Structure formats: C-alpha cells, structure tokens
Amino acid sequence: MKLTGKLHSFESCGTVDGPGIRFIVFTQGCPLRCKYCHNPDTWDLKDAKYERDIEFTINEIKKYKPFFRNGGGLTVTGGEPFVQINYIEALFKRAKEEGIHTAVDTSGYIFNDRVKEVLEYVDLVLLDIKSINPDTYKELTGVELENTLKFAEYLDSIGKPVWIRHVVVPGITDKKENLEKLADYVSKLKNVEKIELLPFHQLGTHKWEEMNLEYQLKDVKEPTAGDMKAARQIFRDKGLNVG
C-alpha cells in the first residue's frame, strides 16, 4: 500500500518560506487554533483537498529544480507538517536523494523522538514562536508553549539552522517587554540565522467567514511601518539578523 499524504495545496515558486525560489507543500492538519491563522481550512485532516503519494509529489517538485540553483528548494508547511510525520519523512528523504534543499515550517508543538529522526533530512527549520509569554501563547493558539521552547533548544543543541518567525499583532504580541524577552531568548541560541518579524494582516478573514468560524481579531489593526521598524530594532539591538 502506497504511503499518501493529505494535502491542502502546492505553490510552485514561493519566495517567502525560506531562501531562494521554493516549491511549497501545504499539508493538512494542525493541533493549534491560532486566532490569526490565515489558513483555518488546513486545520482538520478530513478537509484535505488532495491525497497524493510520495512519487506524485516529488515529481511535481522536480519540475522546478532549475529554479532552485541559487539556493532554493522545498518547503513543507501547513497546517502543521509533523501531524503527517511519516509522509513528510519520506518526502524529505526523496528530496535529499534528488539534491534538493529542504525546509520545514513548524510551530514546534509536536516534538518527540520521531520528529528528531525526521530532522535528519531537514536543512532548515522555520520555527514559529507565536509568543514568548506562556499565557499569551495559550490564549492565541489553544496549546502550551513548553514544547516549542524544547524544540528550539533541541535544534540549538544539534546545530540545526533555524529562522525564527514571529507575527507582530498589535495589542497582543507587540508589547515591548514581550518582544525584548523573545529577543533575549533567541539571542542565546547559537543556530539562529535570521529573525522574521511578520506583520499581522487581515487577508485570511474571508476564510473564517466562509467556514462559519468566529474571527476574534477582526477589529485588530495591522501594524504600521513605524511599529514594525521599532519591533525589528529590539531584535537588532541584541545583535540578531532581522529579515
């Protein structure tokens, strides 16, 4: 029986999920319920738009290998990729056989020995830290922060390259003391190549409406250019590379 994955979609020439031009695989399924999620349609496995085996997916990716020459590759995101750990392990193995750079975009919430095994086939981890404050993290995501920090510290211990991602949400995650605490935490990790501070946006609101879900952040304003500049400076002051 062929191993198949439940997938939401593909993006053939992505430029915001890792270095270079990338083929993005959006997997289905996520244990988090982030209040600002712009892909709530990826939460439940049963809502997958596609079910594809490894060879189908790798053959789609291989079509774009000429675009990967200047540092691009494959990024698996979601949803939460580690929900379908057997599938992404097999996909990353095949990608490495093809000489393709691999990245995974994860919340770090699923962290166990199987995840450690899969990381052997991952070149770069895009780790989303929603908030360094445990209460804020729980309020935003519905789950605890602890695993994400354990994940981050494990990646540091094995020297796995990491980009830290953090969404700046006015009134929720943009408080100076919380950004300073996150910057301080990240500055102690030796493997972090870059910090990506991402401005909160309302682009996914329509999906919540289509799914008859209550979008609690509909009245939250997007951060200004000045807000983002100030947030980035907090991280730069710690000597961190901010994208």
Foldseek 3Di string as FASTA:
>chain_A
DFDKFQFADWDQFDPPQFHFTEIETAGAAAPWDFLQDLPPCRHDSVSRPDIGGLVVVVVSQVVCVVRCPVPYFYEYEYRAVCVSLVRLLVNLVVRVVVVGAYEYEHQQPDDDPSVVVSCVSHQEYEHEDAFPDQVLSCVRIVDGRVRSVVSQVVCLVVLRAYEYEYECFPPRHLDPVRLLVVLVSVLPRPRYQEYEYHKRDCNSVVVCVVVVHDNPCPPTDIDDPVSVVVSVVSNVVSVGHYD
